[in-house]
């Protein structure tokens, strides 16, 4: 499942408000290179909680 393009255009990192990179492999996730955090996407829903993010 992939996220809609219009949603990806408005999503930002909840920690630094920076741009996110959308990755689909090996797992679907959103990556903030500034904070070096990965946000999971579960069943097409981005989990944008800082406490749930994983380090790069």
N, C-alpha and C. Protein backbone atom coordinates (compact mmCIF):
# COMPACT_ATOMS: atom_id res chain seq x y z
N UNK A 1 0.86 -1.18 0.00
CA UNK A 1 0.00 0.00 0.00
C UNK A 1 0.90 1.23 0.00
N UNK A 2 0.53 2.23 -0.75
CA UNK A 2 1.34 3.44 -0.77
C UNK A 2 0.51 4.63 -0.33
N UNK A 3 1.19 5.63 0.20
CA UNK A 3 0.51 6.83 0.67
C UNK A 3 0.19 7.74 -0.50
N UNK A 4 -0.96 8.42 -0.44
CA UNK A 4 -1.31 9.35 -1.52
C UNK A 4 -0.31 10.50 -1.62
N UNK A 5 -0.04 10.92 -2.85
CA UNK A 5 0.94 11.98 -3.09
C UNK A 5 0.56 13.27 -2.38
N UNK A 6 -0.72 13.62 -2.36
CA UNK A 6 -1.14 14.88 -1.71
C UNK A 6 -0.90 14.83 -0.19
N UNK A 7 -0.99 13.64 0.41
CA UNK A 7 -0.68 13.51 1.83
C UNK A 7 0.82 13.67 2.07
N UNK A 8 1.63 13.05 1.22
CA UNK A 8 3.08 13.14 1.37
C UNK A 8 3.58 14.58 1.24
N UNK A 9 2.88 15.39 0.46
CA UNK A 9 3.29 16.79 0.27
C UNK A 9 3.09 17.63 1.52
N UNK A 10 2.16 17.25 2.40
CA UNK A 10 1.88 18.07 3.58
C UNK A 10 2.50 17.53 4.87
N UNK A 11 2.91 16.25 4.87
CA UNK A 11 3.50 15.68 6.07
C UNK A 11 4.91 16.22 6.31
N UNK A 12 5.20 16.55 7.56
CA UNK A 12 6.53 17.00 7.97
C UNK A 12 6.92 16.24 9.24
N UNK A 13 8.17 16.25 9.56
CA UNK A 13 8.65 15.62 10.78
C UNK A 13 8.03 16.33 11.99
N UNK A 14 7.43 15.58 12.90
CA UNK A 14 6.82 16.23 14.07
C UNK A 14 7.84 16.84 15.04
N UNK A 15 9.09 16.40 14.92
CA UNK A 15 10.12 16.91 15.83
C UNK A 15 10.74 18.21 15.32
N UNK A 16 11.19 18.23 14.06
CA UNK A 16 11.90 19.42 13.54
C UNK A 16 11.12 20.17 12.46
N UNK A 17 10.00 19.63 12.04
CA UNK A 17 9.16 20.21 10.98
C UNK A 17 9.84 20.17 9.62
N UNK A 18 10.85 19.30 9.48
CA UNK A 18 11.57 19.15 8.22
C UNK A 18 10.89 18.19 7.26
N UNK A 19 11.45 18.10 6.07
CA UNK A 19 10.92 17.22 5.03
C UNK A 19 11.12 15.75 5.41
N UNK A 20 10.21 14.92 4.90
CA UNK A 20 10.29 13.49 5.12
C UNK A 20 10.50 12.77 3.80
N UNK A 21 11.26 11.71 3.84
CA UNK A 21 11.48 10.86 2.68
C UNK A 21 10.60 9.63 2.84
N UNK A 22 9.83 9.30 1.81
CA UNK A 22 8.94 8.13 1.86
C UNK A 22 9.67 6.93 1.29
N UNK A 23 9.76 5.87 2.08
CA UNK A 23 10.41 4.63 1.64
C UNK A 23 9.38 3.50 1.67
N UNK A 24 9.48 2.63 0.69
CA UNK A 24 8.57 1.49 0.63
C UNK A 24 9.28 0.16 0.82
N UNK A 25 10.60 0.16 0.78
CA UNK A 25 11.33 -1.09 0.95
C UNK A 25 12.53 -0.86 1.85
N UNK A 26 12.89 -1.72 2.72
CA UNK A 26 12.27 -3.02 2.95
C UNK A 26 10.93 -2.93 3.69
N UNK A 27 10.71 -1.83 4.43
CA UNK A 27 9.41 -1.61 5.06
C UNK A 27 8.90 -0.23 4.69
N UNK A 28 7.61 -0.04 4.79
CA UNK A 28 7.01 1.26 4.47
C UNK A 28 7.24 2.18 5.68
N UNK A 29 7.90 3.32 5.42
CA UNK A 29 8.23 4.25 6.50
C UNK A 29 8.50 5.64 5.95
N UNK A 30 8.47 6.61 6.85
CA UNK A 30 8.82 7.98 6.54
C UNK A 30 10.10 8.30 7.31
N UNK A 31 11.07 8.90 6.63
CA UNK A 31 12.39 9.12 7.22
C UNK A 31 12.70 10.62 7.26
N UNK A 32 13.15 11.07 8.44
CA UNK A 32 13.65 12.44 8.58
C UNK A 32 15.16 12.34 8.67
N UNK A 33 15.85 12.87 7.66
CA UNK A 33 17.31 12.82 7.66
C UNK A 33 17.92 13.80 8.67
N UNK A 34 17.23 14.91 8.96
CA UNK A 34 17.75 15.88 9.92
C UNK A 34 17.78 15.31 11.33
N UNK A 35 16.69 14.68 11.74
CA UNK A 35 16.60 14.11 13.09
C UNK A 35 17.12 12.69 13.14
N UNK A 36 17.34 12.09 11.97
CA UNK A 36 17.77 10.70 11.86
C UNK A 36 16.79 9.75 12.54
N UNK A 37 15.49 9.97 12.23
CA UNK A 37 14.42 9.14 12.77
C UNK A 37 13.60 8.52 11.65
N UNK A 38 13.02 7.34 11.94
CA UNK A 38 12.14 6.64 11.00
C UNK A 38 10.77 6.51 11.65
N UNK A 39 9.73 6.91 10.92
CA UNK A 39 8.36 6.79 11.38
C UNK A 39 7.68 5.69 10.58
N UNK A 40 7.10 4.73 11.28
CA UNK A 40 6.46 3.59 10.62
C UNK A 40 5.17 4.01 9.93
N UNK A 41 4.80 3.23 8.92
CA UNK A 41 3.50 3.38 8.26
C UNK A 41 2.82 2.02 8.40
N UNK A 42 1.73 1.97 9.15
CA UNK A 42 1.00 0.72 9.39
C UNK A 42 -0.34 0.75 8.66
N UNK A 43 -0.52 -0.17 7.73
CA UNK A 43 -1.75 -0.27 6.94
C UNK A 43 -2.13 1.07 6.31
N UNK A 44 -1.12 1.77 5.80
CA UNK A 44 -1.37 3.04 5.11
C UNK A 44 -1.56 4.24 6.03
N UNK A 45 -1.30 4.06 7.33
CA UNK A 45 -1.46 5.14 8.30
C UNK A 45 -0.09 5.49 8.88
N UNK A 46 0.39 6.70 8.65
CA UNK A 46 1.69 7.10 9.21
C UNK A 46 1.59 7.26 10.73
N UNK A 47 2.51 6.67 11.44
CA UNK A 47 2.56 6.78 12.91
C UNK A 47 3.56 7.89 13.23
N UNK A 48 3.04 9.10 13.40
CA UNK A 48 3.88 10.28 13.52
C UNK A 48 4.10 10.71 14.97
N UNK A 49 4.33 9.74 15.84
CA UNK A 49 4.61 10.02 17.24
C UNK A 49 6.12 9.95 17.47
N UNK A 50 6.68 10.98 18.04
CA UNK A 50 8.13 11.03 18.26
C UNK A 50 8.58 9.87 19.12
N UNK A 51 7.80 9.52 20.13
CA UNK A 51 8.16 8.42 21.03
C UNK A 51 8.15 7.05 20.33
N UNK A 52 7.42 6.94 19.24
CA UNK A 52 7.34 5.68 18.49
C UNK A 52 8.37 5.59 17.37
N UNK A 53 9.04 6.69 17.07
CA UNK A 53 10.03 6.73 15.99
C UNK A 53 11.25 5.90 16.37
N UNK A 54 11.91 5.36 15.33
CA UNK A 54 13.13 4.56 15.53
C UNK A 54 14.31 5.31 14.92
N UNK A 55 15.49 5.18 15.51
CA UNK A 55 16.66 5.85 14.94
C UNK A 55 17.09 5.21 13.63
N UNK A 56 17.73 6.00 12.79
CA UNK A 56 18.27 5.49 11.52
C UNK A 56 19.46 4.61 11.76
